[in-house]
Protein backbone atom coordinates (compact mmCIF):
# COMPACT_ATOMS: atom_id res chain seq x y z
CA UNK A 1 0.15 -0.03 0.07
CA UNK A 2 1.12 3.25 -0.91
CA UNK A 3 -1.09 6.06 0.97
CA UNK A 4 1.31 8.67 -0.05
CA UNK A 5 0.79 7.95 -3.92
CA UNK A 6 -2.91 8.65 -3.40
CA UNK A 7 -2.12 11.91 -2.58
CA UNK A 8 -2.73 14.82 -5.47
CA UNK A 9 0.23 15.72 -7.44
CA UNK A 10 0.25 19.25 -6.51
CA UNK A 11 0.29 18.37 -2.83
CA UNK A 12 2.76 16.05 -3.55
CA UNK A 13 5.01 18.39 -5.16
CA UNK A 14 5.11 21.16 -2.75
CA UNK A 15 5.76 18.19 0.01
CA UNK A 16 8.88 17.30 -1.66
CA UNK A 17 10.11 20.34 -2.98
CA UNK A 18 9.59 21.69 0.81
CA UNK A 19 11.58 18.97 2.34
CA UNK A 20 14.56 19.09 0.01
CA UNK A 21 14.69 22.68 -0.06
CA UNK A 22 15.62 22.61 3.73
CA UNK A 23 17.51 19.66 3.47
CA UNK A 24 19.94 21.20 0.92
CA UNK A 25 19.98 24.84 1.61
CA UNK A 26 19.93 24.98 5.84
CA UNK A 27 23.01 23.31 6.96
CA UNK A 28 22.02 22.73 10.24
CA UNK A 29 22.63 18.83 12.23
CA UNK A 30 19.41 18.37 14.08
CA UNK A 31 17.25 19.28 10.82
CA UNK A 32 19.68 17.39 8.58
CA UNK A 33 19.49 14.32 10.66
CA UNK A 34 15.56 14.47 10.74
CA UNK A 35 15.83 15.13 7.27
CA UNK A 36 18.06 11.82 6.62
CA UNK A 37 15.70 9.71 9.45
CA UNK A 38 12.23 10.72 7.24
CA UNK A 39 13.90 9.75 4.19
CA UNK A 40 15.10 6.22 5.71
CA UNK A 41 11.40 5.49 7.19
CA UNK A 42 9.64 6.79 4.18
CA UNK A 43 11.75 4.66 1.72
CA UNK A 44 11.27 1.55 4.17
CA UNK A 45 7.75 1.64 3.46
CA UNK A 46 7.95 2.06 -0.09
CA UNK A 47 10.53 -0.79 -0.71
CA UNK A 48 10.91 -4.41 -0.16
CA UNK A 49 13.44 -5.68 2.35
CA UNK A 50 15.55 -7.02 -0.32
CA UNK A 51 15.65 -3.76 -2.34
CA UNK A 52 16.37 -1.71 0.89
CA UNK A 53 19.26 -3.87 1.66
CA UNK A 54 20.60 -3.70 -1.69
CA UNK A 55 20.37 0.13 -1.13
CA UNK A 56 21.92 0.09 2.15
CA UNK A 57 25.21 -1.59 0.09
CA UNK A 58 25.23 1.36 -1.80
CA UNK A 59 24.47 4.39 0.84
CA UNK A 60 26.29 3.12 3.52
CA UNK A 61 29.83 3.11 1.77
CA UNK A 62 29.21 6.58 -0.04
CA UNK A 63 28.40 7.76 3.91
CA UNK A 64 31.76 6.56 4.74
CA UNK A 65 33.60 7.63 1.92
CA UNK A 66 32.38 11.42 1.94
CA UNK A 67 32.97 11.59 5.90
CA UNK A 68 36.28 10.13 5.92
CA UNK A 69 37.28 12.29 2.58
CA UNK A 70 36.49 15.60 4.03
CA UNK A 71 38.96 15.58 6.69
CA UNK A 72 42.04 14.38 4.71
CA UNK A 73 41.67 17.27 2.22
CA UNK A 74 40.33 19.99 4.44
CA UNK A 75 42.81 20.73 7.74
CA UNK A 76 40.55 23.80 8.78
CA UNK A 77 39.57 23.34 12.42
CA UNK A 78 41.61 23.99 15.99
CA UNK A 79 41.20 20.56 17.41
CA UNK A 80 43.58 18.47 15.66
CA UNK A 81 42.46 14.31 16.63
CA UNK A 82 45.56 13.04 14.98
CA UNK A 83 48.52 14.15 12.19
CA UNK A 84 48.97 12.19 8.75
CA UNK A 85 51.77 13.20 6.80
CA UNK A 86 52.23 16.11 8.93
CA UNK A 87 48.75 17.34 8.01
CA UNK A 88 46.56 17.74 11.20
CA UNK A 89 43.09 15.71 10.81
CA UNK A 90 40.38 17.80 12.69
CA UNK A 91 37.34 17.24 14.77
CA UNK A 92 35.78 19.72 12.83
CA UNK A 93 36.72 18.90 9.48
CA UNK A 94 35.26 15.14 10.47
CA UNK A 95 32.09 16.55 11.83
CA UNK A 96 31.47 18.57 8.82
CA UNK A 97 32.17 16.02 6.38
CA UNK A 98 29.82 13.47 8.57
CA UNK A 99 27.04 16.85 8.12
CA UNK A 100 27.74 16.82 4.58
CA UNK A 101 27.30 12.88 4.30
CA UNK A 102 24.08 12.99 6.31
CA UNK A 103 22.71 15.99 3.73
CA UNK A 104 24.03 13.52 0.54
CA UNK A 105 22.10 10.52 1.54
CA UNK A 106 19.13 12.35 2.94
CA UNK A 107 18.44 14.26 -0.47
CA UNK A 108 19.18 10.95 -2.09
CA UNK A 109 16.71 8.99 -0.47
CA UNK A 110 14.09 11.76 -0.81
CA UNK A 111 14.81 11.88 -4.59
CA UNK A 112 14.56 8.18 -4.44
CA UNK A 113 10.90 8.64 -2.72
CA UNK A 114 9.86 11.06 -5.53
CA UNK A 115 11.05 8.87 -8.24
CA UNK A 116 8.50 6.42 -6.51
CA UNK A 117 5.49 8.53 -5.64
CA UNK A 118 5.74 11.36 -8.40
CA UNK A 119 5.49 9.33 -12.08
CA UNK A 120 5.39 10.86 -15.02
CA UNK A 121 1.52 11.22 -15.47
CA UNK A 122 1.53 13.21 -12.34
CA UNK A 123 4.51 15.62 -13.71
CA UNK A 124 2.97 15.99 -16.95
CA UNK A 125 -0.66 16.77 -15.20
CA UNK A 126 1.12 19.27 -13.40
CA UNK A 127 3.19 20.95 -16.20
CA UNK A 128 2.17 19.80 -19.12
CA UNK A 129 -0.10 22.79 -20.43
CA UNK A 130 2.38 25.07 -18.83
CA UNK A 131 5.59 23.92 -20.30
CA UNK A 132 4.67 21.30 -22.75
CA UNK A 133 7.82 20.48 -24.47
CA UNK A 134 10.00 21.06 -21.23
CA UNK A 135 7.68 18.90 -18.92
CA UNK A 136 8.05 16.16 -21.31
CA UNK A 137 11.55 16.09 -21.71
CA UNK A 138 11.77 16.17 -17.87
CA UNK A 139 9.47 13.47 -16.84
CA UNK A 140 11.64 11.15 -19.51
CA UNK A 141 14.84 12.13 -17.81
CA UNK A 142 13.45 11.44 -14.30
CA UNK A 143 12.22 8.04 -15.66
CA UNK A 144 14.97 7.02 -17.65
CA UNK A 145 17.49 5.20 -15.18
CA UNK A 146 14.76 3.00 -13.94
CA UNK A 147 13.59 1.88 -17.41
CA UNK A 148 16.83 1.81 -18.89
CA UNK A 149 17.97 -0.69 -16.11
CA UNK A 150 14.80 -2.46 -16.11
CA UNK A 151 15.49 -3.32 -19.89
CA UNK A 152 19.30 -4.12 -19.40
CA UNK A 153 18.11 -6.75 -16.87
CA UNK A 154 15.93 -8.10 -19.49
CA UNK A 155 18.29 -7.72 -22.59
CA UNK A 156 21.01 -9.75 -20.06
CA UNK A 157 18.99 -12.42 -19.37
CA UNK A 158 17.85 -12.88 -22.84
CA UNK A 159 21.16 -13.15 -24.02
CA UNK A 160 21.74 -15.44 -20.79
CA UNK A 161 19.09 -18.14 -22.26
CA UNK A 162 20.78 -17.75 -25.81
CA UNK A 163 24.34 -18.89 -24.28
CA UNK A 164 26.26 -15.91 -24.91
CA UNK A 165 27.60 -15.95 -21.28
CA UNK A 166 29.28 -19.48 -21.76
CA UNK A 167 32.80 -17.79 -21.05
CA UNK A 168 33.78 -17.08 -17.59
CA UNK A 169 37.04 -15.05 -18.15
CA UNK A 170 37.45 -11.50 -17.60
CA UNK A 171 37.62 -10.53 -21.10
CA UNK A 172 34.33 -12.63 -22.00
CA UNK A 173 32.45 -10.82 -18.88
CA UNK A 174 33.54 -7.41 -20.67
CA UNK A 175 32.56 -8.47 -23.98
CA UNK A 176 29.40 -9.57 -22.78
CA UNK A 177 28.51 -6.11 -21.11
CA UNK A 178 29.45 -4.23 -24.27
CA UNK A 179 27.17 -6.32 -26.11
CA UNK A 180 24.57 -5.40 -23.37
CA UNK A 181 25.18 -1.76 -23.62
CA UNK A 182 25.26 -1.34 -27.42
CA UNK A 183 21.83 -3.14 -27.64
CA UNK A 184 20.56 -0.73 -25.11
CA UNK A 185 21.78 2.60 -26.70
CA UNK A 186 19.78 1.46 -29.67
CA UNK A 187 16.90 0.66 -27.72
CA UNK A 188 17.49 3.97 -26.02
CA UNK A 189 17.25 5.75 -29.77
CA UNK A 190 14.43 3.44 -30.89
CA UNK A 191 12.49 4.14 -27.68
CA UNK A 192 13.11 8.11 -27.78
CA UNK A 193 11.88 8.37 -31.71
CA UNK A 194 8.66 5.96 -30.60
CA UNK A 195 7.86 8.67 -27.82
CA UNK A 196 8.29 11.44 -29.94
CA UNK A 197 6.01 10.18 -32.73
CA UNK A 198 3.31 9.23 -30.48
CA UNK A 199 3.05 12.17 -28.85
CA UNK A 200 2.93 14.15 -31.75
CA UNK A 201 0.24 12.09 -33.36
CA UNK A 202 -1.36 12.96 -30.17
CA UNK A 203 -1.59 16.74 -30.60
CA UNK A 204 0.42 16.72 -27.46
CA UNK A 205 1.25 20.65 -26.67
CA UNK A 206 -1.35 21.99 -29.13
CA UNK A 207 -3.62 24.64 -28.36
CA UNK A 208 -7.39 23.53 -27.46
CA UNK A 209 -6.10 19.74 -26.39
CA UNK A 210 -8.07 19.01 -23.73
CA UNK A 211 -6.44 16.57 -21.13
CA UNK A 212 -8.13 13.70 -18.98
CA UNK A 213 -7.10 13.07 -15.44
CA UNK A 214 -8.02 11.07 -12.73
CA UNK A 215 -6.62 13.50 -9.93
CA UNK A 216 -9.44 15.19 -7.63
CA UNK A 217 -8.52 18.05 -4.93
CA UNK A 218 -9.94 16.10 -1.90
CA UNK A 219 -10.29 17.37 1.68
CA UNK A 220 -7.53 15.26 2.76
CA UNK A 221 -5.25 17.07 0.39
CA UNK A 222 -6.08 20.48 1.41
CA UNK A 223 -5.37 19.46 5.06
CA UNK A 224 -1.83 17.85 4.29
CA UNK A 225 -1.05 21.00 2.04
CA UNK A 226 -2.08 23.37 4.54
CA UNK A 227 0.07 21.20 7.28
CA UNK A 228 3.09 21.17 4.85
CA UNK A 229 2.99 25.13 4.43
CA UNK A 230 2.49 25.68 8.06
CA UNK A 231 5.40 23.54 9.16
CA UNK A 232 7.53 24.70 6.07
CA UNK A 233 6.50 28.47 7.24
CA UNK A 234 7.80 27.53 11.08
CA UNK A 235 10.95 26.19 9.70
CA UNK A 236 11.89 29.09 7.22
CA UNK A 237 11.06 31.69 10.16
CA UNK A 238 13.67 29.96 12.03
CA UNK A 239 16.10 30.02 9.67
CA UNK A 240 15.45 33.77 8.98
CA UNK A 241 15.80 34.35 12.68
CA UNK A 242 19.01 32.74 12.79
CA UNK A 243 17.72 29.94 15.15
CA UNK A 244 19.15 27.65 12.64
CA UNK A 245 22.50 28.83 12.09
CA UNK A 246 25.27 26.81 12.95
CA UNK A 247 29.75 26.86 12.13
CA UNK A 248 31.74 24.16 12.36
CA UNK A 249 35.01 26.57 11.65
CA UNK A 250 37.23 26.94 13.41
CA UNK A 251 35.03 25.99 16.44
CA UNK A 252 31.90 23.67 16.09
CA UNK A 253 28.81 25.52 17.36
CA UNK A 254 26.27 24.68 20.06
CA UNK A 255 23.13 23.71 18.91
CA UNK A 256 20.75 25.64 20.20
CA UNK A 257 17.96 24.15 23.14
CA UNK A 258 15.97 27.49 23.79
CA UNK A 259 11.41 26.63 23.06
CA UNK A 260 12.11 28.57 19.78
CA UNK A 261 14.54 26.36 18.40
CA UNK A 262 13.00 23.30 19.78
CA UNK A 263 9.90 24.40 17.76
CA UNK A 264 11.64 24.74 14.62
CA UNK A 265 13.23 21.45 15.09
CA UNK A 266 9.68 19.91 16.31
CA UNK A 267 7.79 21.32 13.51
CA UNK A 268 10.37 19.98 10.55
CA UNK A 269 10.42 16.76 12.28
CA UNK A 270 6.83 16.09 11.64
CA UNK A 271 7.42 17.74 8.31
CA UNK A 272 9.97 14.71 7.43
CA UNK A 273 7.78 12.19 8.96
CA UNK A 274 4.36 12.91 7.55
CA UNK A 275 4.33 10.34 4.91
CA UNK A 276 5.92 7.54 7.06
CA UNK A 277 3.02 8.52 9.54
CA UNK A 278 0.28 8.32 6.67
CA UNK A 279 1.77 5.07 5.66
CA UNK A 280 1.41 3.62 8.96
CA UNK A 281 -1.65 4.68 9.11
CA UNK A 282 -2.82 3.36 5.98
CA UNK A 283 -1.47 -0.06 7.01
CA UNK A 284 -3.37 -0.19 10.32
CA UNK A 285 -6.32 0.64 8.90
CA UNK A 286 -6.20 -2.20 6.52
CA UNK A 287 -4.97 -4.73 8.74
CA UNK A 288 -8.14 -3.79 10.57
CA UNK A 289 -10.41 -4.10 7.84
CA UNK A 290 -8.66 -7.41 6.85
CA UNK A 291 -9.24 -8.83 10.55
CA UNK A 292 -12.99 -7.78 10.06
CA UNK A 293 -13.51 -10.21 7.15
């Protein structure tokens, strides 16, 4: 069940833009940690266990690489932990690397959730009339990688069934990968031409063309949009007042614990966990309905 997928595209887009904008442009450790936690919890409800473990094998090494790389190249800070080739590795540089890693992983998780929820039909519904050509190109670009990977797996399985992967040497594996890549280039070009011809035949982007859509703005969408705007406004108000200001150099700053700071943290925390709360609520209602059958 994907409860958040049933939300109106305008509310979905507003929500994702709100969370991503705060995650990327307000470098406060508490807000970044909340964004990461919200992204992890939301993606956990959208994925199967095998997919989650596979993604963990990508995100965890990336996190460690970013966190460790920064103190090796940046030697700012006044608290050296140890010296490497005569250069100090400072605590401030290490903590800043961890902060950047948290931000990057959090943004990647929210972008992954965005690709799962905001499908191409929703994107075209929002921007098809305003910028028809650009919206079509963007929707195709956003869905290109997952579609490309699925098609590559199909081609690989087909060639394996034909006996083209009989060799086990390194040269044979490289040759097989290049064969799949060549087939995918041809498929991509052909698919782009077919999509262009199909959209042209349907009169996409022409004046007077009507669009059919099943999306309806319901009261729940209004409530979600109002909550999103309110929580974002509180977070941005705190940022404009300097509550979320935080520095790593030359010394690590102090995280504020005043009532107004706690209100900002709580607002963005609730904003980050809204999809997870909706998914859990939907799952509880669904299980209760099944138990009554």
